[in-house]
Amino acid sequence: MRRIVADGYALGLFVEGTRQRSGIPGVVQPGAAMVALQEEAPIVPVAIHGSQTWRPGNFRPVSIAWGEPMSLAGLPKGGRGYKEASALVQEEIRRLFDWLVDLHALGRPDGVPPGAERR
């Protein structure tokens, strides 16, 4: 993971380490934060809503929201920093997820960026 990021490539991974069958974001594991801090790379938080209800023959709408790149500069490169960074990423993923839940409740209009309803 570190080599991919150090070489300037984007790395996509599910920071919770596994699929959350409940549909609610789980606890962010420290791996992504470790790579981001060690390689001084931003993390782009992403939330997914709706896939937890998929069943064979029943593929309901799913929404994905990308947040702004998060700089973790200033956090220590070590266990404490990884834990703090993971908490910040988890908080942002949850914010995006809650926005998607609200968006689905409104009928899921297209092309509405997070925060637009507050303008």
PDB file of N, CA and C in Angstrom:
ATOM      1  N   MET A   1       0.825  -1.195   0.000  1.00  0.00           N
ATOM      2  CA  MET A   1       0.000   0.000   0.000  1.00  0.00           C
ATOM      3  C   MET A   1       0.860   1.247   0.000  1.00  0.00           C
ATOM      4  N   ARG A   2       1.873   1.242   0.844  1.00  0.00           N
ATOM      5  CA  ARG A   2       2.729   2.432   0.931  1.00  0.00           C
ATOM      6  C   ARG A   2       3.449   2.694  -0.377  1.00  0.00           C
ATOM      7  N   ARG A   3       3.914   1.653  -1.054  1.00  0.00           N
ATOM      8  CA  ARG A   3       4.640   1.840  -2.306  1.00  0.00           C
ATOM      9  C   ARG A   3       3.719   2.428  -3.376  1.00  0.00           C
ATOM     10  N   ILE A   4       2.484   1.948  -3.440  1.00  0.00           N
ATOM     11  CA  ILE A   4       1.529   2.478  -4.419  1.00  0.00           C
ATOM     12  C   ILE A   4       1.328   3.971  -4.204  1.00  0.00           C
ATOM     13  N   VAL A   5       1.109   4.362  -2.966  1.00  0.00           N
ATOM     14  CA  VAL A   5       0.894   5.782  -2.640  1.00  0.00           C
ATOM     15  C   VAL A   5       2.181   6.584  -2.858  1.00  0.00           C
ATOM     16  N   ALA A   6       3.309   6.045  -2.441  1.00  0.00           N
ATOM     17  CA  ALA A   6       4.585   6.744  -2.619  1.00  0.00           C
ATOM     18  C   ALA A   6       4.900   6.964  -4.092  1.00  0.00           C
ATOM     19  N   ASP A   7       4.450   6.051  -4.947  1.00  0.00           N
ATOM     20  CA  ASP A   7       4.669   6.186  -6.389  1.00  0.00           C
ATOM     21  C   ASP A   7       3.674   7.149  -7.042  1.00  0.00           C
ATOM     22  N   GLY A   8       2.796   7.741  -6.237  1.00  0.00           N
ATOM     23  CA  GLY A   8       1.876   8.748  -6.745  1.00  0.00           C
ATOM     24  C   GLY A   8       0.539   8.227  -7.249  1.00  0.00           C
ATOM     25  N   TYR A   9       0.276   6.956  -7.012  1.00  0.00           N
ATOM     26  CA  TYR A   9      -0.988   6.381  -7.459  1.00  0.00           C
ATOM     27  C   TYR A   9      -2.048   6.492  -6.366  1.00  0.00           C
ATOM     28  N   ALA A  10      -3.301   6.507  -6.795  1.00  0.00           N
ATOM     29  CA  ALA A  10      -4.405   6.481  -5.838  1.00  0.00           C
ATOM     30  C   ALA A  10      -4.583   5.047  -5.351  1.00  0.00           C
ATOM     31  N   LEU A  11      -4.943   4.907  -4.113  1.00  0.00           N
ATOM     32  CA  LEU A  11      -5.185   3.602  -3.511  1.00  0.00           C
ATOM     33  C   LEU A  11      -6.587   3.607  -2.925  1.00  0.00           C
ATOM     34  N   GLY A  12      -7.419   2.715  -3.365  1.00  0.00           N
ATOM     35  CA  GLY A  12      -8.770   2.610  -2.823  1.00  0.00           C
ATOM     36  C   GLY A  12      -8.864   1.416  -1.900  1.00  0.00           C
ATOM     37  N   LEU A  13      -9.422   1.637  -0.731  1.00  0.00           N
ATOM     38  CA  LEU A  13      -9.652   0.529   0.182  1.00  0.00           C
ATOM     39  C   LEU A  13     -10.801   0.859   1.114  1.00  0.00           C
ATOM     40  N   PHE A  14     -11.407  -0.184   1.624  1.00  0.00           N
ATOM     41  CA  PHE A  14     -12.489  -0.020   2.578  1.00  0.00           C
ATOM     42  C   PHE A  14     -11.853   0.064   3.964  1.00  0.00           C
ATOM     43  N   VAL A  15     -11.887   1.243   4.549  1.00  0.00           N
ATOM     44  CA  VAL A  15     -11.141   1.507   5.785  1.00  0.00           C
ATOM     45  C   VAL A  15     -11.683   0.765   6.995  1.00  0.00           C
ATOM     46  N   GLU A  16     -12.876   0.201   6.870  1.00  0.00           N
ATOM     47  CA  GLU A  16     -13.424  -0.570   7.985  1.00  0.00           C
ATOM     48  C   GLU A  16     -12.898  -1.997   7.996  1.00  0.00           C
ATOM     49  N   GLY A  17     -12.286  -2.410   6.905  1.00  0.00           N
ATOM     50  CA  GLY A  17     -11.684  -3.736   6.842  1.00  0.00           C
ATOM     51  C   GLY A  17     -12.623  -4.833   6.387  1.00  0.00           C
ATOM     52  N   THR A  18     -13.916  -4.575   6.378  1.00  0.00           N
ATOM     53  CA  THR A  18     -14.899  -5.566   5.959  1.00  0.00           C
ATOM     54  C   THR A  18     -16.203  -4.865   5.629  1.00  0.00           C
ATOM     55  N   ARG A  19     -17.064  -5.570   4.936  1.00  0.00           N
ATOM     56  CA  ARG A  19     -18.373  -5.016   4.602  1.00  0.00           C
ATOM     57  C   ARG A  19     -19.229  -4.935   5.859  1.00  0.00           C
ATOM     58  N   GLN A  20     -19.964  -3.857   5.966  1.00  0.00           N
ATOM     59  CA  GLN A  20     -20.860  -3.669   7.106  1.00  0.00           C
ATOM     60  C   GLN A  20     -22.275  -4.077   6.680  1.00  0.00           C
ATOM     61  N   ARG A  21     -22.663  -5.267   7.007  1.00  0.00           N
ATOM     62  CA  ARG A  21     -23.967  -5.788   6.568  1.00  0.00           C
ATOM     63  C   ARG A  21     -25.138  -5.010   7.158  1.00  0.00           C
ATOM     64  N   SER A  22     -24.899  -4.300   8.253  1.00  0.00           N
ATOM     65  CA  SER A  22     -25.967  -3.495   8.855  1.00  0.00           C
ATOM     66  C   SER A  22     -26.282  -2.283   7.994  1.00  0.00           C
ATOM     67  N   GLY A  23     -25.335  -1.914   7.129  1.00  0.00           N
ATOM     68  CA  GLY A  23     -25.520  -0.730   6.304  1.00  0.00           C
ATOM     69  C   GLY A  23     -25.046   0.546   6.956  1.00  0.00           C
ATOM     70  N   ILE A  24     -24.646   0.470   8.189  1.00  0.00           N
ATOM     71  CA  ILE A  24     -24.168   1.642   8.932  1.00  0.00           C
ATOM     72  C   ILE A  24     -22.641   1.573   8.981  1.00  0.00           C
ATOM     73  N   PRO A  25     -21.964   2.692   8.717  1.00  0.00           N
ATOM     74  CA  PRO A  25     -20.498   2.658   8.738  1.00  0.00           C
ATOM     75  C   PRO A  25     -19.955   2.097  10.054  1.00  0.00           C
ATOM     76  N   GLY A  26     -18.923   1.283   9.926  1.00  0.00           N
ATOM     77  CA  GLY A  26     -18.296   0.675  11.094  1.00  0.00           C
ATOM     78  C   GLY A  26     -17.082   1.468  11.553  1.00  0.00           C
ATOM     79  N   VAL A  27     -16.317   0.847  12.414  1.00  0.00           N
ATOM     80  CA  VAL A  27     -15.119   1.470  12.978  1.00  0.00           C
ATOM     81  C   VAL A  27     -14.008   1.465  11.933  1.00  0.00           C
ATOM     82  N   VAL A  28     -13.390   2.615  11.723  1.00  0.00           N
ATOM     83  CA  VAL A  28     -12.284   2.740  10.778  1.00  0.00           C
ATOM     84  C   VAL A  28     -11.036   2.125  11.410  1.00  0.00           C
ATOM     85  N   GLN A  29     -10.412   1.207  10.681  1.00  0.00           N
ATOM     86  CA  GLN A  29      -9.173   0.584  11.126  1.00  0.00           C
ATOM     87  C   GLN A  29      -8.000   1.507  10.788  1.00  0.00           C
ATOM     88  N   PRO A  30      -6.864   1.378  11.461  1.00  0.00           N
ATOM     89  CA  PRO A  30      -5.784   2.356  11.313  1.00  0.00           C
ATOM     90  C   PRO A  30      -4.912   2.224  10.066  1.00  0.00           C
ATOM     91  N   GLY A  31      -5.100   1.220   9.230  1.00  0.00           N
ATOM     92  CA  GLY A  31      -4.216   1.003   8.083  1.00  0.00           C
ATOM     93  C   GLY A  31      -4.153   2.166   7.112  1.00  0.00           C
ATOM     94  N   ALA A  32      -5.289   2.708   6.721  1.00  0.00           N
ATOM     95  CA  ALA A  32      -5.303   3.833   5.775  1.00  0.00           C
ATOM     96  C   ALA A  32      -4.628   5.055   6.388  1.00  0.00           C
ATOM     97  N   ALA A  33      -4.881   5.305   7.657  1.00  0.00           N
ATOM     98  CA  ALA A  33      -4.264   6.449   8.332  1.00  0.00           C
ATOM     99  C   ALA A  33      -2.749   6.273   8.408  1.00  0.00           C
ATOM    100  N   MET A  34      -2.301   5.056   8.662  1.00  0.00           N
ATOM    101  CA  MET A  34      -0.869   4.793   8.728  1.00  0.00           C
ATOM    102  C   MET A  34      -0.213   5.118   7.379  1.00  0.00           C
ATOM    103  N   VAL A  35      -0.801   4.623   6.296  1.00  0.00           N
ATOM    104  CA  VAL A  35      -0.239   4.886   4.970  1.00  0.00           C
ATOM    105  C   VAL A  35      -0.260   6.386   4.673  1.00  0.00           C
ATOM    106  N   ALA A  36      -1.381   7.037   4.946  1.00  0.00           N
ATOM    107  CA  ALA A  36      -1.509   8.465   4.663  1.00  0.00           C
ATOM    108  C   ALA A  36      -0.489   9.279   5.453  1.00  0.00           C
ATOM    109  N   LEU A  37      -0.315   8.964   6.705  1.00  0.00           N
ATOM    110  CA  LEU A  37       0.639   9.713   7.528  1.00  0.00           C
ATOM    111  C   LEU A  37       2.083   9.418   7.122  1.00  0.00           C
ATOM    112  N   GLN A  38       2.401   8.157   6.907  1.00  0.00           N
ATOM    113  CA  GLN A  38       3.772   7.796   6.551  1.00  0.00           C
ATOM    114  C   GLN A  38       4.178   8.369   5.193  1.00  0.00           C
ATOM    115  N   GLU A  39       3.233   8.419   4.261  1.00  0.00           N
ATOM    116  CA  GLU A  39       3.539   8.884   2.906  1.00  0.00           C
ATOM    117  C   GLU A  39       3.097  10.328   2.659  1.00  0.00           C
ATOM    118  N   GLU A  40       2.586  10.976   3.703  1.00  0.00           N
ATOM    119  CA  GLU A  40       2.122  12.366   3.619  1.00  0.00           C
ATOM    120  C   GLU A  40       1.141  12.558   2.467  1.00  0.00           C
ATOM    121  N   ALA A  41       0.167  11.664   2.407  1.00  0.00           N
ATOM    122  CA  ALA A  41      -0.852  11.678   1.356  1.00  0.00           C
ATOM    123  C   ALA A  41      -2.217  11.988   1.967  1.00  0.00           C
ATOM    124  N   PRO A  42      -3.075  12.663   1.227  1.00  0.00           N
ATOM    125  CA  PRO A  42      -4.423  12.924   1.730  1.00  0.00           C
ATOM    126  C   PRO A  42      -5.292  11.676   1.651  1.00  0.00           C
ATOM    127  N   ILE A  43      -6.349  11.687   2.416  1.00  0.00           N
ATOM    128  CA  ILE A  43      -7.374  10.636   2.345  1.00  0.00           C
ATOM    129  C   ILE A  43      -8.644  11.291   1.816  1.00  0.00           C
ATOM    130  N   VAL A  44      -9.255  10.663   0.833  1.00  0.00           N
ATOM    131  CA  VAL A  44     -10.543  11.126   0.324  1.00  0.00           C
ATOM    132  C   VAL A  44     -11.606  10.206   0.916  1.00  0.00           C
ATOM    133  N   PRO A  45     -12.416  10.720   1.862  1.00  0.00           N
ATOM    134  CA  PRO A  45     -13.436   9.878   2.488  1.00  0.00           C
ATOM    135  C   PRO A  45     -14.592   9.608   1.527  1.00  0.00           C
ATOM    136  N   VAL A  46     -15.128   8.408   1.604  1.00  0.00           N
ATOM    137  CA  VAL A  46     -16.243   8.002   0.748  1.00  0.00           C
ATOM    138  C   VAL A  46     -17.261   7.261   1.604  1.00  0.00           C
ATOM    139  N   ALA A  47     -18.533   7.558   1.361  1.00  0.00           N
ATOM    140  CA  ALA A  47     -19.614   6.844   2.035  1.00  0.00           C
ATOM    141  C   ALA A  47     -20.503   6.193   0.980  1.00  0.00           C
ATOM    142  N   ILE A  48     -20.994   5.009   1.286  1.00  0.00           N
ATOM    143  CA  ILE A  48     -21.898   4.271   0.406  1.00  0.00           C
ATOM    144  C   ILE A  48     -23.166   3.990   1.185  1.00  0.00           C
ATOM    145  N   HIS A  49     -24.309   4.251   0.561  1.00  0.00           N
ATOM    146  CA  HIS A  49     -25.589   3.949   1.204  1.00  0.00           C
ATOM    147  C   HIS A  49     -26.485   3.208   0.232  1.00  0.00           C
ATOM    148  N   GLY A  50     -27.099   2.145   0.703  1.00  0.00           N
ATOM    149  CA  GLY A  50     -28.098   1.434  -0.076  1.00  0.00           C
ATOM    150  C   GLY A  50     -27.734   0.019  -0.466  1.00  0.00           C
ATOM    151  N   SER A  51     -26.462  -0.314  -0.527  1.00  0.00           N
ATOM    152  CA  SER A  51     -26.086  -1.658  -0.979  1.00  0.00           C
ATOM    153  C   SER A  51     -26.440  -2.740   0.042  1.00  0.00           C
ATOM    154  N   GLN A  52     -26.678  -2.360   1.275  1.00  0.00           N
ATOM    155  CA  GLN A  52     -26.993  -3.348   2.309  1.00  0.00           C
ATOM    156  C   GLN A  52     -28.347  -4.014   2.068  1.00  0.00           C
ATOM    157  N   THR A  53     -29.189  -3.428   1.217  1.00  0.00           N
ATOM    158  CA  THR A  53     -30.511  -4.006   0.952  1.00  0.00           C
ATOM    159  C   THR A  53     -30.529  -4.838  -0.322  1.00  0.00           C
ATOM    160  N   TRP A  54     -29.396  -4.923  -1.010  1.00  0.00           N
ATOM    161  CA  TRP A  54     -29.348  -5.702  -2.249  1.00  0.00           C
ATOM    162  C   TRP A  54     -29.532  -7.184  -1.981  1.00  0.00           C
ATOM    163  N   ARG A  55     -30.311  -7.799  -2.827  1.00  0.00           N
ATOM    164  CA  ARG A  55     -30.524  -9.245  -2.823  1.00  0.00           C
ATOM    165  C   ARG A  55     -30.585  -9.672  -4.290  1.00  0.00           C
ATOM    166  N   PRO A  56     -30.356 -10.928  -4.602  1.00  0.00           N
ATOM    167  CA  PRO A  56     -30.484 -11.367  -5.997  1.00  0.00           C
ATOM    168  C   PRO A  56     -31.848 -10.958  -6.571  1.00  0.00           C
ATOM    169  N   GLY A  57     -31.801 -10.258  -7.688  1.00  0.00           N
ATOM    170  CA  GLY A  57     -33.018  -9.798  -8.340  1.00  0.00           C
ATOM    171  C   GLY A  57     -33.602  -8.518  -7.766  1.00  0.00           C
ATOM    172  N   ASN A  58     -32.998  -7.978  -6.719  1.00  0.00           N
ATOM    173  CA  ASN A  58     -33.523  -6.775  -6.086  1.00  0.00           C
ATOM    174  C   ASN A  58     -32.369  -5.802  -5.846  1.00  0.00           C
ATOM    175  N   PHE A  59     -32.003  -5.065  -6.883  1.00  0.00           N
ATOM    176  CA  PHE A  59     -30.901  -4.115  -6.776  1.00  0.00           C
ATOM    177  C   PHE A  59     -31.465  -2.707  -6.684  1.00  0.00           C
ATOM    178  N   ARG A  60     -31.715  -2.282  -5.474  1.00  0.00           N
ATOM    179  CA  ARG A  60     -32.251  -0.942  -5.219  1.00  0.00           C
ATOM    180  C   ARG A  60     -31.171   0.112  -5.452  1.00  0.00           C
ATOM    181  N   PRO A  61     -31.592   1.377  -5.559  1.00  0.00           N
ATOM    182  CA  PRO A  61     -30.601   2.439  -5.782  1.00  0.00           C
ATOM    183  C   PRO A  61     -29.555   2.512  -4.666  1.00  0.00           C
ATOM    184  N   VAL A  62     -28.352   2.768  -5.087  1.00  0.00           N
ATOM    185  CA  VAL A  62     -27.225   2.947  -4.175  1.00  0.00           C
ATOM    186  C   VAL A  62     -26.635   4.323  -4.459  1.00  0.00           C
ATOM    187  N   SER A  63     -26.242   5.011  -3.414  1.00  0.00           N
ATOM    188  CA  SER A  63     -25.617   6.324  -3.569  1.00  0.00           C
ATOM    189  C   SER A  63     -24.222   6.291  -2.962  1.00  0.00           C
ATOM    190  N   ILE A  64     -23.328   7.043  -3.599  1.00  0.00           N
ATOM    191  CA  ILE A  64     -21.954   7.167  -3.128  1.00  0.00           C
ATOM    192  C   ILE A  64     -21.636   8.652  -3.035  1.00  0.00           C
ATOM    193  N   ALA A  65     -21.023   9.053  -1.930  1.00  0.00           N
ATOM    194  CA  ALA A  65     -20.616  10.449  -1.747  1.00  0.00           C
ATOM    195  C   ALA A  65     -19.124  10.488  -1.435  1.00  0.00           C
ATOM    196  N   TRP A  66     -18.407  11.319  -2.199  1.00  0.00           N
ATOM    197  CA  TRP A  66     -16.988  11.557  -1.960  1.00  0.00           C
ATOM    198  C   TRP A  66     -16.862  12.863  -1.213  1.00  0.00           C
ATOM    199  N   GLY A  67     -16.035  12.877  -0.178  1.00  0.00           N
ATOM    200  CA  GLY A  67     -15.761  14.104   0.550  1.00  0.00           C
ATOM    201  C   GLY A  67     -14.542  14.799  -0.019  1.00  0.00           C
ATOM    202  N   GLU A  68     -14.191  15.896   0.582  1.00  0.00           N
ATOM    203  CA  GLU A  68     -12.988  16.636   0.201  1.00  0.00           C
ATOM    204  C   GLU A  68     -11.754  15.884   0.705  1.00  0.00           C
ATOM    205  N   PRO A  69     -10.627  15.965  -0.007  1.00  0.00           N
ATOM    206  CA  PRO A  69      -9.398  15.335   0.485  1.00  0.00           C
ATOM    207  C   PRO A  69      -9.047  15.861   1.879  1.00  0.00           C
ATOM    208  N   MET A  70      -8.699  14.949   2.753  1.00  0.00           N
ATOM    209  CA  MET A  70      -8.350  15.294   4.128  1.00  0.00           C
ATOM    210  C   MET A  70      -6.835  15.235   4.305  1.00  0.00           C
ATOM    211  N   SER A  71      -6.251  16.345   4.696  1.00  0.00           N
ATOM    212  CA  SER A  71      -4.836  16.366   5.024  1.00  0.00           C
ATOM    213  C   SER A  71      -4.681  15.981   6.492  1.00  0.00           C
ATOM    214  N   LEU A  72      -3.754  15.108   6.748  1.00  0.00           N
ATOM    215  CA  LEU A  72      -3.507  14.679   8.129  1.00  0.00           C
ATOM    216  C   LEU A  72      -2.203  15.262   8.659  1.00  0.00           C
ATOM    217  N   ALA A  73      -1.705  16.284   7.958  1.00  0.00           N
ATOM    218  CA  ALA A  73      -0.458  16.931   8.362  1.00  0.00           C
ATOM    219  C   ALA A  73      -0.572  17.419   9.801  1.00  0.00           C
ATOM    220  N   GLY A  74       0.498  17.240  10.523  1.00  0.00           N
ATOM    221  CA  GLY A  74       0.521  17.699  11.908  1.00  0.00           C
ATOM    222  C   GLY A  74       0.227  16.599  12.912  1.00  0.00           C
ATOM    223  N   LEU A  75      -0.334  15.496  12.453  1.00  0.00           N
ATOM    224  CA  LEU A  75      -0.580  14.379  13.372  1.00  0.00           C
ATOM    225  C   LEU A  75       0.685  13.538  13.473  1.00  0.00           C
ATOM    226  N   PRO A  76       0.943  12.970  14.636  1.00  0.00           N
ATOM    227  CA  PRO A  76       2.167  12.183  14.798  1.00  0.00           C
ATOM    228  C   PRO A  76       2.138  10.887  13.987  1.00  0.00           C
ATOM    229  N   LYS A  77       3.312  10.495  13.507  1.00  0.00           N
ATOM    230  CA  LYS A  77       3.453   9.235  12.777  1.00  0.00           C
ATOM    231  C   LYS A  77       3.712   8.132  13.793  1.00  0.00           C
ATOM    232  N   GLY A  78       2.671   7.540  14.246  1.00  0.00           N
ATOM    233  CA  GLY A  78       2.744   6.485  15.243  1.00  0.00           C
ATOM    234  C   GLY A  78       1.341   6.108  15.674  1.00  0.00           C
ATOM    235  N   GLY A  79       1.249   5.189  16.590  1.00  0.00           N
ATOM    236  CA  GLY A  79      -0.043   4.669  17.025  1.00  0.00           C
ATOM    237  C   GLY A  79      -1.054   5.736  17.408  1.00  0.00           C
ATOM    238  N   ARG A  80      -0.614   6.738  18.166  1.00  0.00           N
ATOM    239  CA  ARG A  80      -1.535   7.801  18.585  1.00  0.00           C
ATOM    240  C   ARG A  80      -2.058   8.571  17.376  1.00  0.00           C
ATOM    241  N   GLY A  81      -1.175   8.900  16.444  1.00  0.00           N
ATOM    242  CA  GLY A  81      -1.578   9.624  15.245  1.00  0.00           C
ATOM    243  C   GLY A  81      -2.496   8.805  14.364  1.00  0.00           C
ATOM    244  N   TYR A  82      -2.209   7.512  14.224  1.00  0.00           N
ATOM    245  CA  TYR A  82      -3.054   6.645  13.407  1.00  0.00           C
ATOM    246  C   TYR A  82      -4.460   6.567  14.000  1.00  0.00           C
ATOM    247  N   LYS A  83      -4.515   6.479  15.318  1.00  0.00           N
ATOM    248  CA  LYS A  83      -5.822   6.398  15.988  1.00  0.00           C
ATOM    249  C   LYS A  83      -6.599   7.709  15.812  1.00  0.00           C
ATOM    250  N   GLU A  84      -5.922   8.836  16.006  1.00  0.00           N
ATOM    251  CA  GLU A  84      -6.580  10.140  15.858  1.00  0.00           C
ATOM    252  C   GLU A  84      -7.027  10.372  14.414  1.00  0.00           C
ATOM    253  N   ALA A  85      -6.174  10.035  13.457  1.00  0.00           N
ATOM    254  CA  ALA A  85      -6.517  10.197  12.042  1.00  0.00           C
ATOM    255  C   ALA A  85      -7.703   9.305  11.672  1.00  0.00           C
ATOM    256  N   SER A  86      -7.694   8.079  12.158  1.00  0.00           N
ATOM    257  CA  SER A  86      -8.799   7.154  11.874  1.00  0.00           C
ATOM    258  C   SER A  86     -10.115   7.691  12.419  1.00  0.00           C
ATOM    259  N   ALA A  87     -10.069   8.291  13.595  1.00  0.00           N
ATOM    260  CA  ALA A  87     -11.280   8.882  14.179  1.00  0.00           C
ATOM    261  C   ALA A  87     -11.787  10.040  13.328  1.00  0.00           C
ATOM    262  N   LEU A  88     -10.881  10.865  12.809  1.00  0.00           N
ATOM    263  CA  LEU A  88     -11.287  11.981  11.947  1.00  0.00           C
ATOM    264  C   LEU A  88     -11.913  11.476  10.648  1.00  0.00           C
ATOM    265  N   VAL A  89     -11.316  10.448  10.067  1.00  0.00           N
ATOM    266  CA  VAL A  89     -11.853   9.868   8.837  1.00  0.00           C
ATOM    267  C   VAL A  89     -13.217   9.247   9.112  1.00  0.00           C
ATOM    268  N   GLN A  90     -13.337   8.532  10.222  1.00  0.00           N
ATOM    269  CA  GLN A  90     -14.611   7.906  10.594  1.00  0.00           C
ATOM    270  C   GLN A  90     -15.705   8.958  10.760  1.00  0.00           C
ATOM    271  N   GLU A  91     -15.367  10.057  11.389  1.00  0.00           N
ATOM    272  CA  GLU A  91     -16.332  11.144  11.595  1.00  0.00           C
ATOM    273  C   GLU A  91     -16.817  11.710  10.255  1.00  0.00           C
ATOM    274  N   GLU A  92     -15.897  11.887   9.317  1.00  0.00           N
ATOM    275  CA  GLU A  92     -16.270  12.436   8.015  1.00  0.00           C
ATOM    276  C   GLU A  92     -17.082  11.433   7.193  1.00  0.00           C
ATOM    277  N   ILE A  93     -16.720  10.165   7.257  1.00  0.00           N
ATOM    278  CA  ILE A  93     -17.502   9.147   6.555  1.00  0.00           C
ATOM    279  C   ILE A  93     -18.916   9.113   7.120  1.00  0.00           C
ATOM    280  N   ARG A  94     -19.039   9.207   8.417  1.00  0.00           N
ATOM    281  CA  ARG A  94     -20.376   9.196   9.035  1.00  0.00           C
ATOM    282  C   ARG A  94     -21.183  10.426   8.621  1.00  0.00           C
ATOM    283  N   ARG A  95     -20.537  11.584   8.528  1.00  0.00           N
ATOM    284  CA  ARG A  95     -21.233  12.795   8.079  1.00  0.00           C
ATOM    285  C   ARG A  95     -21.758  12.603   6.662  1.00  0.00           C
ATOM    286  N   LEU A  96     -20.912  12.084   5.783  1.00  0.00           N
ATOM    287  CA  LEU A  96     -21.330  11.832   4.397  1.00  0.00           C
ATOM    288  C   LEU A  96     -22.446  10.788   4.345  1.00  0.00           C
ATOM    289  N   PHE A  97     -22.321   9.742   5.148  1.00  0.00           N
ATOM    290  CA  PHE A  97     -23.334   8.690   5.185  1.00  0.00           C
ATOM    291  C   PHE A  97     -24.684   9.240   5.646  1.00  0.00           C
ATOM    292  N   ASP A  98     -24.670  10.018   6.710  1.00  0.00           N
ATOM    293  CA  ASP A  98     -25.928  10.600   7.212  1.00  0.00           C
ATOM    294  C   ASP A  98     -26.563  11.495   6.155  1.00  0.00           C
ATOM    295  N   TRP A  99     -25.741  12.225   5.404  1.00  0.00           N
ATOM    296  CA  TRP A  99     -26.243  13.056   4.317  1.00  0.00           C
ATOM    297  C   TRP A  99     -26.918  12.184   3.256  1.00  0.00           C
ATOM    298  N   LEU A 100     -26.285  11.045   2.930  1.00  0.00           N
ATOM    299  CA  LEU A 100     -26.881  10.133   1.945  1.00  0.00           C
ATOM    300  C   LEU A 100     -28.202   9.553   2.431  1.00  0.00           C
ATOM    301  N   VAL A 101     -28.283   9.209   3.701  1.00  0.00           N
ATOM    302  CA  VAL A 101     -29.535   8.696   4.263  1.00  0.00           C
ATOM    303  C   VAL A 101     -30.636   9.734   4.084  1.00  0.00           C
ATOM    304  N   ASP A 102     -30.337  10.981   4.424  1.00  0.00           N
ATOM    305  CA  ASP A 102     -31.319  12.059   4.255  1.00  0.00           C
ATOM    306  C   ASP A 102     -31.678  12.236   2.785  1.00  0.00           C
ATOM    307  N   LEU A 103     -30.691  12.129   1.912  1.00  0.00           N
ATOM    308  CA  LEU A 103     -30.924  12.279   0.478  1.00  0.00           C
ATOM    309  C   LEU A 103     -31.858  11.189  -0.039  1.00  0.00           C
ATOM    310  N   HIS A 104     -31.662   9.966   0.399  1.00  0.00           N
ATOM    311  CA  HIS A 104     -32.539   8.862  -0.005  1.00  0.00           C
ATOM    312  C   HIS A 104     -33.963   9.105   0.494  1.00  0.00           C
ATOM    313  N   ALA A 105     -34.088   9.645   1.688  1.00  0.00           N
ATOM    314  CA  ALA A 105     -35.421   9.919   2.238  1.00  0.00           C
ATOM    315  C   ALA A 105     -36.159  10.974   1.405  1.00  0.00           C
ATOM    316  N   LEU A 106     -35.413  11.835   0.730  1.00  0.00           N
ATOM    317  CA  LEU A 106     -36.016  12.881  -0.109  1.00  0.00           C
ATOM    318  C   LEU A 106     -36.281  12.411  -1.542  1.00  0.00           C
ATOM    319  N   GLY A 107     -35.942  11.173  -1.825  1.00  0.00           N
ATOM    320  CA  GLY A 107     -36.148  10.658  -3.164  1.00  0.00           C
ATOM    321  C   GLY A 107     -34.900  10.681  -4.014  1.00  0.00           C
ATOM    322  N   ARG A 108     -33.755  10.967  -3.411  1.00  0.00           N
ATOM    323  CA  ARG A 108     -32.446  10.875  -4.058  1.00  0.00           C
ATOM    324  C   ARG A 108     -32.324  11.706  -5.327  1.00  0.00           C
ATOM    325  N   PRO A 109     -32.428  13.032  -5.226  1.00  0.00           N
ATOM    326  CA  PRO A 109     -32.222  13.868  -6.417  1.00  0.00           C
ATOM    327  C   PRO A 109     -30.788  13.763  -6.922  1.00  0.00           C
ATOM    328  N   ASP A 110     -30.615  13.894  -8.232  1.00  0.00           N
ATOM    329  CA  ASP A 110     -29.289  13.782  -8.839  1.00  0.00           C
ATOM    330  C   ASP A 110     -28.494  15.077  -8.695  1.00  0.00           C
ATOM    331  N   GLY A 111     -27.179  14.941  -8.619  1.00  0.00           N
ATOM    332  CA  GLY A 111     -26.282  16.077  -8.719  1.00  0.00           C
ATOM    333  C   GLY A 111     -26.290  17.044  -7.566  1.00  0.00           C
ATOM    334  N   VAL A 112     -26.569  16.596  -6.354  1.00  0.00           N
ATOM    335  CA  VAL A 112     -26.586  17.481  -5.194  1.00  0.00           C
ATOM    336  C   VAL A 112     -25.377  17.174  -4.317  1.00  0.00           C
ATOM    337  N   PRO A 113     -24.373  18.053  -4.295  1.00  0.00           N
ATOM    338  CA  PRO A 113     -23.200  17.784  -3.481  1.00  0.00           C
ATOM    339  C   PRO A 113     -23.493  17.944  -1.988  1.00  0.00           C
ATOM    340  N   PRO A 114     -22.772  17.173  -1.122  1.00  0.00           N
ATOM    341  CA  PRO A 114     -22.970  17.329   0.312  1.00  0.00           C
ATOM    342  C   PRO A 114     -22.764  18.779   0.732  1.00  0.00           C
ATOM    343  N   GLY A 115     -23.641  19.262   1.555  1.00  0.00           N
ATOM    344  CA  GLY A 115     -23.552  20.643   2.042  1.00  0.00           C
ATOM    345  C   GLY A 115     -24.366  21.609   1.216  1.00  0.00           C
ATOM    346  N   ALA A 116     -24.819  21.217   0.022  1.00  0.00           N
ATOM    347  CA  ALA A 116     -25.565  22.131  -0.854  1.00  0.00           C
ATOM    348  C   ALA A 116     -26.889  22.546  -0.211  1.00  0.00           C
ATOM    349  N   GLU A 117     -27.470  21.649   0.574  1.00  0.00           N
ATOM    350  CA  GLU A 117     -28.762  21.975   1.194  1.00  0.00           C
ATOM    351  C   GLU A 117     -28.610  23.039   2.290  1.00  0.00           C
ATOM    352  N   ARG A 118     -27.370  23.301   2.701  1.00  0.00           N
ATOM    353  CA  ARG A 118     -27.132  24.303   3.755  1.00  0.00           C
ATOM    354  C   ARG A 118     -26.870  25.681   3.178  1.00  0.00           C
ATOM    355  N   ARG A 119     -26.750  25.800   1.873  1.00  0.00           N
ATOM    356  CA  ARG A 119     -26.425  27.094   1.251  1.00  0.00           C
ATOM    357  C   ARG A 119     -27.614  27.979   1.154  1.00  0.00           C
TER     358      ARG A 119
END
